[in-house]
Amino acid sequence: ALLEAQAGPTADVFRAFALRLDHAYAPG
């Protein structure tokens, strides 16, 4: 149940970064 419930929120987090997918917070 926990894995099933987490899938949607995880996808939402990555969609929130849609314009910054190639961003890294520091070199390397």
mmCIF file of all heavy atoms, coordinates in Angstrom:
data_MODEL
# 
_entry.id   MODEL 
# 
loop_
_atom_site.group_PDB 
_atom_site.id 
_atom_site.type_symbol 
_atom_site.label_atom_id 
_atom_site.label_alt_id 
_atom_site.label_comp_id 
_atom_site.label_asym_id 
_atom_site.label_entity_id 
_atom_site.label_seq_id 
_atom_site.pdbx_PDB_ins_code 
_atom_site.Cartn_x 
_atom_site.Cartn_y 
_atom_site.Cartn_z 
_atom_site.occupancy 
_atom_site.B_iso_or_equiv 
_atom_site.pdbx_formal_charge 
_atom_site.auth_seq_id 
_atom_site.auth_comp_id 
_atom_site.auth_asym_id 
_atom_site.auth_atom_id 
_atom_site.pdbx_PDB_model_num 
ATOM 1   N N   . ALA A 1 1  ? 0.835  -1.212 0.000   1.00 0.00 ? 1  ALA A N   1 
ATOM 2   C CA  . ALA A 1 1  ? 0.000  0.000  0.000   1.00 0.00 ? 1  ALA A CA  1 
ATOM 3   C C   . ALA A 1 1  ? 0.863  1.253  0.000   1.00 0.00 ? 1  ALA A C   1 
ATOM 4   O O   . ALA A 1 1  ? 0.543  2.235  -0.676  1.00 0.00 ? 1  ALA A O   1 
ATOM 5   C CB  . ALA A 1 1  ? -0.930 -0.014 1.212   1.00 0.00 ? 1  ALA A CB  1 
ATOM 6   N N   . LEU A 1 2  ? 1.962  1.229  0.736   1.00 0.00 ? 2  LEU A N   1 
ATOM 7   C CA  . LEU A 1 2  ? 2.847  2.390  0.800   1.00 0.00 ? 2  LEU A CA  1 
ATOM 8   C C   . LEU A 1 2  ? 3.514  2.661  -0.546  1.00 0.00 ? 2  LEU A C   1 
ATOM 9   O O   . LEU A 1 2  ? 3.590  3.810  -0.986  1.00 0.00 ? 2  LEU A O   1 
ATOM 10  C CB  . LEU A 1 2  ? 3.908  2.179  1.885   1.00 0.00 ? 2  LEU A CB  1 
ATOM 11  C CG  . LEU A 1 2  ? 3.391  2.127  3.319   1.00 0.00 ? 2  LEU A CG  1 
ATOM 12  C CD1 . LEU A 1 2  ? 4.471  1.603  4.269   1.00 0.00 ? 2  LEU A CD1 1 
ATOM 13  C CD2 . LEU A 1 2  ? 2.905  3.491  3.760   1.00 0.00 ? 2  LEU A CD2 1 
ATOM 14  N N   . LEU A 1 3  ? 3.982  1.617  -1.209  1.00 0.00 ? 3  LEU A N   1 
ATOM 15  C CA  . LEU A 1 3  ? 4.603  1.787  -2.531  1.00 0.00 ? 3  LEU A CA  1 
ATOM 16  C C   . LEU A 1 3  ? 3.581  2.271  -3.552  1.00 0.00 ? 3  LEU A C   1 
ATOM 17  O O   . LEU A 1 3  ? 3.878  3.140  -4.371  1.00 0.00 ? 3  LEU A O   1 
ATOM 18  C CB  . LEU A 1 3  ? 5.232  0.473  -3.002  1.00 0.00 ? 3  LEU A CB  1 
ATOM 19  C CG  . LEU A 1 3  ? 6.544  0.073  -2.342  1.00 0.00 ? 3  LEU A CG  1 
ATOM 20  C CD1 . LEU A 1 3  ? 6.884  -1.374 -2.665  1.00 0.00 ? 3  LEU A CD1 1 
ATOM 21  C CD2 . LEU A 1 3  ? 7.669  1.004  -2.762  1.00 0.00 ? 3  LEU A CD2 1 
ATOM 22  N N   . GLU A 1 4  ? 2.389  1.721  -3.493  1.00 0.00 ? 4  GLU A N   1 
ATOM 23  C CA  . GLU A 1 4  ? 1.342  2.142  -4.426  1.00 0.00 ? 4  GLU A CA  1 
ATOM 24  C C   . GLU A 1 4  ? 0.970  3.601  -4.202  1.00 0.00 ? 4  GLU A C   1 
ATOM 25  O O   . GLU A 1 4  ? 0.835  4.374  -5.149  1.00 0.00 ? 4  GLU A O   1 
ATOM 26  C CB  . GLU A 1 4  ? 0.113  1.246  -4.267  1.00 0.00 ? 4  GLU A CB  1 
ATOM 27  C CG  . GLU A 1 4  ? -0.935 1.463  -5.314  1.00 0.00 ? 4  GLU A CG  1 
ATOM 28  C CD  . GLU A 1 4  ? -2.026 0.415  -5.277  1.00 0.00 ? 4  GLU A CD  1 
ATOM 29  O OE1 . GLU A 1 4  ? -2.042 -0.442 -4.381  1.00 0.00 ? 4  GLU A OE1 1 
ATOM 30  O OE2 . GLU A 1 4  ? -2.882 0.464  -6.179  1.00 0.00 ? 4  GLU A OE2 1 
ATOM 31  N N   . ALA A 1 5  ? 0.847  3.995  -2.943  1.00 0.00 ? 5  ALA A N   1 
ATOM 32  C CA  . ALA A 1 5  ? 0.467  5.372  -2.620  1.00 0.00 ? 5  ALA A CA  1 
ATOM 33  C C   . ALA A 1 5  ? 1.559  6.379  -2.978  1.00 0.00 ? 5  ALA A C   1 
ATOM 34  O O   . ALA A 1 5  ? 1.266  7.532  -3.284  1.00 0.00 ? 5  ALA A O   1 
ATOM 35  C CB  . ALA A 1 5  ? 0.127  5.482  -1.131  1.00 0.00 ? 5  ALA A CB  1 
ATOM 36  N N   . GLN A 1 6  ? 2.821  5.974  -2.959  1.00 0.00 ? 6  GLN A N   1 
ATOM 37  C CA  . GLN A 1 6  ? 3.928  6.895  -3.218  1.00 0.00 ? 6  GLN A CA  1 
ATOM 38  C C   . GLN A 1 6  ? 4.114  7.203  -4.702  1.00 0.00 ? 6  GLN A C   1 
ATOM 39  O O   . GLN A 1 6  ? 4.665  8.248  -5.050  1.00 0.00 ? 6  GLN A O   1 
ATOM 40  C CB  . GLN A 1 6  ? 5.236  6.319  -2.655  1.00 0.00 ? 6  GLN A CB  1 
ATOM 41  C CG  . GLN A 1 6  ? 6.422  7.247  -2.747  1.00 0.00 ? 6  GLN A CG  1 
ATOM 42  C CD  . GLN A 1 6  ? 6.274  8.477  -1.878  1.00 0.00 ? 6  GLN A CD  1 
ATOM 43  O OE1 . GLN A 1 6  ? 6.041  8.370  -0.691  1.00 0.00 ? 6  GLN A OE1 1 
ATOM 44  N NE2 . GLN A 1 6  ? 6.385  9.647  -2.472  1.00 0.00 ? 6  GLN A NE2 1 
ATOM 45  N N   . ALA A 1 7  ? 3.659  6.337  -5.569  1.00 0.00 ? 7  ALA A N   1 
ATOM 46  C CA  . ALA A 1 7  ? 3.938  6.497  -7.009  1.00 0.00 ? 7  ALA A CA  1 
ATOM 47  C C   . ALA A 1 7  ? 3.422  7.822  -7.563  1.00 0.00 ? 7  ALA A C   1 
ATOM 48  O O   . ALA A 1 7  ? 4.148  8.516  -8.281  1.00 0.00 ? 7  ALA A O   1 
ATOM 49  C CB  . ALA A 1 7  ? 3.362  5.317  -7.788  1.00 0.00 ? 7  ALA A CB  1 
ATOM 50  N N   . GLY A 1 8  ? 2.197  8.190  -7.260  1.00 0.00 ? 8  GLY A N   1 
ATOM 51  C CA  . GLY A 1 8  ? 1.638  9.448  -7.772  1.00 0.00 ? 8  GLY A CA  1 
ATOM 52  C C   . GLY A 1 8  ? 2.373  10.670 -7.257  1.00 0.00 ? 8  GLY A C   1 
ATOM 53  O O   . GLY A 1 8  ? 2.778  11.532 -8.062  1.00 0.00 ? 8  GLY A O   1 
ATOM 54  N N   . PRO A 1 9  ? 2.563  10.781 -5.950  1.00 0.00 ? 9  PRO A N   1 
ATOM 55  C CA  . PRO A 1 9  ? 3.316  11.930 -5.434  1.00 0.00 ? 9  PRO A CA  1 
ATOM 56  C C   . PRO A 1 9  ? 4.745  12.022 -5.981  1.00 0.00 ? 9  PRO A C   1 
ATOM 57  O O   . PRO A 1 9  ? 5.240  13.123 -6.235  1.00 0.00 ? 9  PRO A O   1 
ATOM 58  C CB  . PRO A 1 9  ? 3.310  11.707 -3.919  1.00 0.00 ? 9  PRO A CB  1 
ATOM 59  C CG  . PRO A 1 9  ? 2.052  10.938 -3.670  1.00 0.00 ? 9  PRO A CG  1 
ATOM 60  C CD  . PRO A 1 9  ? 1.921  10.027 -4.865  1.00 0.00 ? 9  PRO A CD  1 
ATOM 61  N N   . THR A 1 10 ? 5.399  10.900 -6.186  1.00 0.00 ? 10 THR A N   1 
ATOM 62  C CA  . THR A 1 10 ? 6.743  10.934 -6.756  1.00 0.00 ? 10 THR A CA  1 
ATOM 63  C C   . THR A 1 10 ? 6.711  11.501 -8.171  1.00 0.00 ? 10 THR A C   1 
ATOM 64  O O   . THR A 1 10 ? 7.516  12.371 -8.528  1.00 0.00 ? 10 THR A O   1 
ATOM 65  C CB  . THR A 1 10 ? 7.380  9.536  -6.738  1.00 0.00 ? 10 THR A CB  1 
ATOM 66  O OG1 . THR A 1 10 ? 7.592  9.154  -5.372  1.00 0.00 ? 10 THR A OG1 1 
ATOM 67  C CG2 . THR A 1 10 ? 8.717  9.504  -7.479  1.00 0.00 ? 10 THR A CG2 1 
ATOM 68  N N   . ALA A 1 11 ? 5.768  11.040 -8.975  1.00 0.00 ? 11 ALA A N   1 
ATOM 69  C CA  . ALA A 1 11 ? 5.634  11.574 -10.335 1.00 0.00 ? 11 ALA A CA  1 
ATOM 70  C C   . ALA A 1 11 ? 5.350  13.070 -10.299 1.00 0.00 ? 11 ALA A C   1 
ATOM 71  O O   . ALA A 1 11 ? 5.915  13.835 -11.093 1.00 0.00 ? 11 ALA A O   1 
ATOM 72  C CB  . ALA A 1 11 ? 4.534  10.827 -11.084 1.00 0.00 ? 11 ALA A CB  1 
ATOM 73  N N   . ASP A 1 12 ? 4.513  13.507 -9.366  1.00 0.00 ? 12 ASP A N   1 
ATOM 74  C CA  . ASP A 1 12 ? 4.200  14.934 -9.242  1.00 0.00 ? 12 ASP A CA  1 
ATOM 75  C C   . ASP A 1 12 ? 5.440  15.760 -8.917  1.00 0.00 ? 12 ASP A C   1 
ATOM 76  O O   . ASP A 1 12 ? 5.619  16.863 -9.443  1.00 0.00 ? 12 ASP A O   1 
ATOM 77  C CB  . ASP A 1 12 ? 3.137  15.164 -8.166  1.00 0.00 ? 12 ASP A CB  1 
ATOM 78  C CG  . ASP A 1 12 ? 1.772  14.616 -8.565  1.00 0.00 ? 12 ASP A CG  1 
ATOM 79  O OD1 . ASP A 1 12 ? 1.545  14.334 -9.766  1.00 0.00 ? 12 ASP A OD1 1 
ATOM 80  O OD2 . ASP A 1 12 ? 0.926  14.455 -7.652  1.00 0.00 ? 12 ASP A OD2 1 
ATOM 81  N N   . VAL A 1 13 ? 6.295  15.230 -8.050  1.00 0.00 ? 13 VAL A N   1 
ATOM 82  C CA  . VAL A 1 13 ? 7.528  15.945 -7.696  1.00 0.00 ? 13 VAL A CA  1 
ATOM 83  C C   . VAL A 1 13 ? 8.377  16.150 -8.947  1.00 0.00 ? 13 VAL A C   1 
ATOM 84  O O   . VAL A 1 13 ? 8.874  17.257 -9.202  1.00 0.00 ? 13 VAL A O   1 
ATOM 85  C CB  . VAL A 1 13 ? 8.323  15.187 -6.611  1.00 0.00 ? 13 VAL A CB  1 
ATOM 86  C CG1 . VAL A 1 13 ? 9.749  15.730 -6.490  1.00 0.00 ? 13 VAL A CG1 1 
ATOM 87  C CG2 . VAL A 1 13 ? 7.611  15.271 -5.271  1.00 0.00 ? 13 VAL A CG2 1 
ATOM 88  N N   . PHE A 1 14 ? 8.544  15.107 -9.737  1.00 0.00 ? 14 PHE A N   1 
ATOM 89  C CA  . PHE A 1 14 ? 9.388  15.245 -10.930 1.00 0.00 ? 14 PHE A CA  1 
ATOM 90  C C   . PHE A 1 14 ? 8.736  16.150 -11.973 1.00 0.00 ? 14 PHE A C   1 
ATOM 91  O O   . PHE A 1 14 ? 9.431  16.906 -12.641 1.00 0.00 ? 14 PHE A O   1 
ATOM 92  C CB  . PHE A 1 14 ? 9.762  13.870 -11.489 1.00 0.00 ? 14 PHE A CB  1 
ATOM 93  C CG  . PHE A 1 14 ? 10.839 13.222 -10.677 1.00 0.00 ? 14 PHE A CG  1 
ATOM 94  C CD1 . PHE A 1 14 ? 10.537 12.289 -9.698  1.00 0.00 ? 14 PHE A CD1 1 
ATOM 95  C CD2 . PHE A 1 14 ? 12.171 13.585 -10.851 1.00 0.00 ? 14 PHE A CD2 1 
ATOM 96  C CE1 . PHE A 1 14 ? 11.529 11.713 -8.921  1.00 0.00 ? 14 PHE A CE1 1 
ATOM 97  C CE2 . PHE A 1 14 ? 13.170 13.026 -10.081 1.00 0.00 ? 14 PHE A CE2 1 
ATOM 98  C CZ  . PHE A 1 14 ? 12.851 12.090 -9.118  1.00 0.00 ? 14 PHE A CZ  1 
ATOM 99  N N   . ARG A 1 15 ? 7.429  16.117 -12.086 1.00 0.00 ? 15 ARG A N   1 
ATOM 100 C CA  . ARG A 1 15 ? 6.746  17.028 -13.016 1.00 0.00 ? 15 ARG A CA  1 
ATOM 101 C C   . ARG A 1 15 ? 6.935  18.489 -12.591 1.00 0.00 ? 15 ARG A C   1 
ATOM 102 O O   . ARG A 1 15 ? 6.995  19.376 -13.435 1.00 0.00 ? 15 ARG A O   1 
ATOM 103 C CB  . ARG A 1 15 ? 5.276  16.675 -13.110 1.00 0.00 ? 15 ARG A CB  1 
ATOM 104 C CG  . ARG A 1 15 ? 5.013  15.462 -13.966 1.00 0.00 ? 15 ARG A CG  1 
ATOM 105 C CD  . ARG A 1 15 ? 3.530  15.260 -14.241 1.00 0.00 ? 15 ARG A CD  1 
ATOM 106 N NE  . ARG A 1 15 ? 3.339  14.040 -14.981 1.00 0.00 ? 15 ARG A NE  1 
ATOM 107 C CZ  . ARG A 1 15 ? 2.913  12.895 -14.446 1.00 0.00 ? 15 ARG A CZ  1 
ATOM 108 N NH1 . ARG A 1 15 ? 2.591  12.831 -13.163 1.00 0.00 ? 15 ARG A NH1 1 
ATOM 109 N NH2 . ARG A 1 15 ? 2.780  11.827 -15.192 1.00 0.00 ? 15 ARG A NH2 1 
ATOM 110 N N   . ALA A 1 16 ? 7.050  18.724 -11.293 1.00 0.00 ? 16 ALA A N   1 
ATOM 111 C CA  . ALA A 1 16 ? 7.277  20.091 -10.807 1.00 0.00 ? 16 ALA A CA  1 
ATOM 112 C C   . ALA A 1 16 ? 8.629  20.633 -11.270 1.00 0.00 ? 16 ALA A C   1 
ATOM 113 O O   . ALA A 1 16 ? 8.828  21.842 -11.325 1.00 0.00 ? 16 ALA A O   1 
ATOM 114 C CB  . ALA A 1 16 ? 7.186  20.136 -9.276  1.00 0.00 ? 16 ALA A CB  1 
ATOM 115 N N   . PHE A 1 17 ? 9.536  19.739 -11.616 1.00 0.00 ? 17 PHE A N   1 
ATOM 116 C CA  . PHE A 1 17 ? 10.862 20.119 -12.102 1.00 0.00 ? 17 PHE A CA  1 
ATOM 117 C C   . PHE A 1 17 ? 10.947 20.104 -13.627 1.00 0.00 ? 17 PHE A C   1 
ATOM 118 O O   . PHE A 1 17 ? 12.041 20.146 -14.186 1.00 0.00 ? 17 PHE A O   1 
ATOM 119 C CB  . PHE A 1 17 ? 11.927 19.164 -11.549 1.00 0.00 ? 17 PHE A CB  1 
ATOM 120 C CG  . PHE A 1 17 ? 12.301 19.409 -10.123 1.00 0.00 ? 17 PHE A CG  1 
ATOM 121 C CD1 . PHE A 1 17 ? 11.702 18.687 -9.106  1.00 0.00 ? 17 PHE A CD1 1 
ATOM 122 C CD2 . PHE A 1 17 ? 13.256 20.363 -9.800  1.00 0.00 ? 17 PHE A CD2 1 
ATOM 123 C CE1 . PHE A 1 17 ? 12.054 18.903 -7.786  1.00 0.00 ? 17 PHE A CE1 1 
ATOM 124 C CE2 . PHE A 1 17 ? 13.619 20.583 -8.481  1.00 0.00 ? 17 PHE A CE2 1 
ATOM 125 C CZ  . PHE A 1 17 ? 13.006 19.851 -7.468  1.00 0.00 ? 17 PHE A CZ  1 
ATOM 126 N N   . ALA A 1 18 ? 9.811  20.049 -14.307 1.00 0.00 ? 18 ALA A N   1 
ATOM 127 C CA  . ALA A 1 18 ? 9.794  19.867 -15.761 1.00 0.00 ? 18 ALA A CA  1 
ATOM 128 C C   . ALA A 1 18 ? 10.680 20.857 -16.514 1.00 0.00 ? 18 ALA A C   1 
ATOM 129 O O   . ALA A 1 18 ? 11.271 20.511 -17.537 1.00 0.00 ? 18 ALA A O   1 
ATOM 130 C CB  . ALA A 1 18 ? 8.365  19.945 -16.286 1.00 0.00 ? 18 ALA A CB  1 
ATOM 131 N N   . LEU A 1 19 ? 10.796 22.075 -16.011 1.00 0.00 ? 19 LEU A N   1 
ATOM 132 C CA  . LEU A 1 19 ? 11.614 23.083 -16.681 1.00 0.00 ? 19 LEU A CA  1 
ATOM 133 C C   . LEU A 1 19 ? 13.062 23.088 -16.200 1.00 0.00 ? 19 LEU A C   1 
ATOM 134 O O   . LEU A 1 19 ? 13.886 23.864 -16.700 1.00 0.00 ? 19 LEU A O   1 
ATOM 135 C CB  . LEU A 1 19 ? 10.997 24.475 -16.505 1.00 0.00 ? 19 LEU A CB  1 
ATOM 136 C CG  . LEU A 1 19 ? 9.592  24.633 -17.084 1.00 0.00 ? 19 LEU A CG  1 
ATOM 137 C CD1 . LEU A 1 19 ? 9.039  26.021 -16.772 1.00 0.00 ? 19 LEU A CD1 1 
ATOM 138 C CD2 . LEU A 1 19 ? 9.600  24.361 -18.582 1.00 0.00 ? 19 LEU A CD2 1 
ATOM 139 N N   . ARG A 1 20 ? 13.372 22.222 -15.220 1.00 0.00 ? 20 ARG A N   1 
ATOM 140 C CA  . ARG A 1 20 ? 14.735 22.211 -14.650 1.00 0.00 ? 20 ARG A CA  1 
ATOM 141 C C   . ARG A 1 20 ? 15.266 20.783 -14.526 1.00 0.00 ? 20 ARG A C   1 
ATOM 142 O O   . ARG A 1 20 ? 16.002 20.466 -13.611 1.00 0.00 ? 20 ARG A O   1 
ATOM 143 C CB  . ARG A 1 20 ? 14.713 22.871 -13.272 1.00 0.00 ? 20 ARG A CB  1 
ATOM 144 C CG  . ARG A 1 20 ? 14.267 24.335 -13.342 1.00 0.00 ? 20 ARG A CG  1 
ATOM 145 C CD  . ARG A 1 20 ? 14.361 25.019 -12.022 1.00 0.00 ? 20 ARG A CD  1 
ATOM 146 N NE  . ARG A 1 20 ? 15.769 25.056 -11.618 1.00 0.00 ? 20 ARG A NE  1 
ATOM 147 C CZ  . ARG A 1 20 ? 16.157 25.075 -10.344 1.00 0.00 ? 20 ARG A CZ  1 
ATOM 148 N NH1 . ARG A 1 20 ? 15.285 25.071 -9.372  1.00 0.00 ? 20 ARG A NH1 1 
ATOM 149 N NH2 . ARG A 1 20 ? 17.426 25.116 -10.040 1.00 0.00 ? 20 ARG A NH2 1 
ATOM 150 N N   . LEU A 1 21 ? 14.894 19.926 -15.448 1.00 0.00 ? 21 LEU A N   1 
ATOM 151 C CA  . LEU A 1 21 ? 15.277 18.520 -15.361 1.00 0.00 ? 21 LEU A CA  1 
ATOM 152 C C   . LEU A 1 21 ? 16.782 18.301 -15.444 1.00 0.00 ? 21 LEU A C   1 
ATOM 153 O O   . LEU A 1 21 ? 17.299 17.306 -14.937 1.00 0.00 ? 21 LEU A O   1 
ATOM 154 C CB  . LEU A 1 21 ? 14.583 17.704 -16.451 1.00 0.00 ? 21 LEU A CB  1 
ATOM 155 C CG  . LEU A 1 21 ? 13.080 17.574 -16.292 1.00 0.00 ? 21 LEU A CG  1 
ATOM 156 C CD1 . LEU A 1 21 ? 12.485 16.901 -17.526 1.00 0.00 ? 21 LEU A CD1 1 
ATOM 157 C CD2 . LEU A 1 21 ? 12.738 16.779 -15.038 1.00 0.00 ? 21 LEU A CD2 1 
ATOM 158 N N   . ASP A 1 22 ? 17.479 19.200 -16.072 1.00 0.00 ? 22 ASP A N   1 
ATOM 159 C CA  . ASP A 1 22 ? 18.920 19.040 -16.232 1.00 0.00 ? 22 ASP A CA  1 
ATOM 160 C C   . ASP A 1 22 ? 19.717 19.844 -15.207 1.00 0.00 ? 22 ASP A C   1 
ATOM 161 O O   . ASP A 1 22 ? 20.928 20.019 -15.348 1.00 0.00 ? 22 ASP A O   1 
ATOM 162 C CB  . ASP A 1 22 ? 19.319 19.395 -17.663 1.00 0.00 ? 22 ASP A CB  1 
ATOM 163 C CG  . ASP A 1 22 ? 18.661 18.438 -18.652 1.00 0.00 ? 22 ASP A CG  1 
ATOM 164 O OD1 . ASP A 1 22 ? 18.682 17.217 -18.404 1.00 0.00 ? 22 ASP A OD1 1 
ATOM 165 O OD2 . ASP A 1 22 ? 18.104 18.913 -19.652 1.00 0.00 ? 22 ASP A OD2 1 
ATOM 166 N N   . HIS A 1 23 ? 19.029 20.297 -14.175 1.00 0.00 ? 23 HIS A N   1 
ATOM 167 C CA  . HIS A 1 23 ? 19.658 21.051 -13.090 1.00 0.00 ? 23 HIS A CA  1 
ATOM 168 C C   . HIS A 1 23 ? 20.281 20.102 -12.072 1.00 0.00 ? 23 HIS A C   1 
ATOM 169 O O   . HIS A 1 23 ? 19.681 19.102 -11.684 1.00 0.00 ? 23 HIS A O   1 
ATOM 170 C CB  . HIS A 1 23 ? 18.612 21.931 -12.395 1.00 0.00 ? 23 HIS A CB  1 
ATOM 171 C CG  . HIS A 1 23 ? 19.096 22.562 -11.134 1.00 0.00 ? 23 HIS A CG  1 
ATOM 172 N ND1 . HIS A 1 23 ? 20.039 23.564 -11.113 1.00 0.00 ? 23 HIS A ND1 1 
ATOM 173 C CD2 . HIS A 1 23 ? 18.775 22.313 -9.835  1.00 0.00 ? 23 HIS A CD2 1 
ATOM 174 C CE1 . HIS A 1 23 ? 20.275 23.908 -9.852  1.00 0.00 ? 23 HIS A CE1 1 
ATOM 175 N NE2 . HIS A 1 23 ? 19.516 23.170 -9.065  1.00 0.00 ? 23 HIS A NE2 1 
ATOM 176 N N   . ALA A 1 24 ? 21.483 20.419 -11.634 1.00 0.00 ? 24 ALA A N   1 
ATOM 177 C CA  . ALA A 1 24 ? 22.139 19.746 -10.511 1.00 0.00 ? 24 ALA A CA  1 
ATOM 178 C C   . ALA A 1 24 ? 22.474 20.836 -9.497  1.00 0.00 ? 24 ALA A C   1 
ATOM 179 O O   . ALA A 1 24 ? 22.832 21.955 -9.883  1.00 0.00 ? 24 ALA A O   1 
ATOM 180 C CB  . ALA A 1 24 ? 23.402 19.037 -10.965 1.00 0.00 ? 24 ALA A CB  1 
ATOM 181 N N   . TYR A 1 25 ? 22.377 20.541 -8.230  1.00 0.00 ? 25 TYR A N   1 
ATOM 182 C CA  . TYR A 1 25 ? 22.588 21.590 -7.225  1.00 0.00 ? 25 TYR A CA  1 
ATOM 183 C C   . TYR A 1 25 ? 24.048 21.960 -7.038  1.00 0.00 ? 25 TYR A C   1 
ATOM 184 O O   . TYR A 1 25 ? 24.362 23.003 -6.455  1.00 0.00 ? 25 TYR A O   1 
ATOM 185 C CB  . TYR A 1 25 ? 21.935 21.233 -5.886  1.00 0.00 ? 25 TYR A CB  1 
ATOM 186 C CG  . TYR A 1 25 ? 22.631 20.154 -5.088  1.00 0.00 ? 25 TYR A CG  1 
ATOM 187 C CD1 . TYR A 1 25 ? 23.644 20.473 -4.189  1.00 0.00 ? 25 TYR A CD1 1 
ATOM 188 C CD2 . TYR A 1 25 ? 22.247 18.824 -5.205  1.00 0.00 ? 25 TYR A CD2 1 
ATOM 189 C CE1 . TYR A 1 25 ? 24.276 19.492 -3.448  1.00 0.00 ? 25 TYR A CE1 1 
ATOM 190 C CE2 . TYR A 1 25 ? 22.862 17.843 -4.458  1.00 0.00 ? 25 TYR A CE2 1 
ATOM 191 C CZ  . TYR A 1 25 ? 23.873 18.177 -3.595  1.00 0.00 ? 25 TYR A CZ  1 
ATOM 192 O OH  . TYR A 1 25 ? 24.497 17.204 -2.860  1.00 0.00 ? 25 TYR A OH  1 
ATOM 193 N N   . ALA A 1 26 ? 24.950 21.127 -7.558  1.00 0.00 ? 26 ALA A N   1 
ATOM 194 C CA  . ALA A 1 26 ? 26.388 21.424 -7.465  1.00 0.00 ? 26 ALA A CA  1 
ATOM 195 C C   . ALA A 1 26 ? 27.104 20.639 -8.566  1.00 0.00 ? 26 ALA A C   1 
ATOM 196 O O   . ALA A 1 26 ? 26.591 19.629 -9.051  1.00 0.00 ? 26 ALA A O   1 
ATOM 197 C CB  . ALA A 1 26 ? 26.925 21.034 -6.092  1.00 0.00 ? 26 ALA A CB  1 
ATOM 198 N N   . PRO A 1 27 ? 28.307 21.100 -8.937  1.00 0.00 ? 27 PRO A N   1 
ATOM 199 C CA  . PRO A 1 27 ? 29.069 20.342 -9.931  1.00 0.00 ? 27 PRO A CA  1 
ATOM 200 C C   . PRO A 1 27 ? 29.314 18.909 -9.443  1.00 0.00 ? 27 PRO A C   1 
ATOM 201 O O   . PRO A 1 27 ? 29.586 18.673 -8.267  1.00 0.00 ? 27 PRO A O   1 
ATOM 202 C CB  . PRO A 1 27 ? 30.384 21.118 -10.035 1.00 0.00 ? 27 PRO A CB  1 
ATOM 203 C CG  . PRO A 1 27 ? 30.045 22.505 -9.577  1.00 0.00 ? 27 PRO A CG  1 
ATOM 204 C CD  . PRO A 1 27 ? 28.978 22.327 -8.522  1.00 0.00 ? 27 PRO A CD  1 
ATOM 205 N N   . GLY A 1 28 ? 29.174 17.972 -10.350 1.00 0.00 ? 28 GLY A N   1 
ATOM 206 C CA  . GLY A 1 28 ? 29.410 16.572 -10.014 1.00 0.00 ? 28 GLY A CA  1 
ATOM 207 C C   . GLY A 1 28 ? 28.221 15.864 -9.386  1.00 0.00 ? 28 GLY A C   1 
ATOM 208 O O   . GLY A 1 28 ? 28.303 14.663 -9.113  1.00 0.00 ? 28 GLY A O   1 
# 
